[in-house]
Amino acid sequence: MCSVRRWIKLAAMVVVTMLTAACGRTDDAGDSATLAVSSTAVADGDDIPVEFTCDGEDIAPDLTWSDVPADAVEMVIMVDDPDAPGGTFTHWTVWGLQPDAAPIGGALPQGAMEGTNDFGEVGYRGPCPPAGDGPHHYRFRVLALDSSLDLPRGAPPAQVTAAISGHVIARGQLQATYAR
């Protein structure tokens, strides 16, 4: 009976420790400051112009951010489609951006790295939802980190997400739609 009580105490201590550690994380939306994110090409809540999609030139729109915390070390951009039939589909990841690097558009600044998107290519690939599937929502998210990422060019979305875990100190997003 005593060993059962010890195991219960140990299990309770582990659970309390895990919950306490989770409360200190800074990558949850409620625990981070808010960045202002905008674009001259895509307006929040509007349709994405065709030139930034697979039906057009498939180029990345410009992004600007502000209200970056003074202690931000690096910025990350993540563009995804949470409405994709197979689950959230990543179109672009960029890291290694200086907090004052905005605006981003065209060529990326020196030191910036792009990851592999869910098309299996490095770099930006624009919205390309299935025809007739209705409008999909595309999130252009910008994250401020308290440290630099040490990831190789072409890192997949899951690796980028894992690397930023616990390091997001501010976040913002612009969301727009596209349908075919």
Foldseek 3Di string as FASTA:
>chain_A
DVVVVVVVVVVVVVVVVVVVVVVLFQPDPVNAAAKDKDFPQDAFAAAHPPCCAPNHVVFHTKMFIDPADPLFAKKKKWKWWQPAPVGIWTFWIKIQHGPPLPGDGDDGDPRIAIAQTNVRHTGGHHDDHPAPPDKIKMKTKMFTFNDGFDDDHHHYPVVVVVRRTRTTRYMYIGMYIYHD
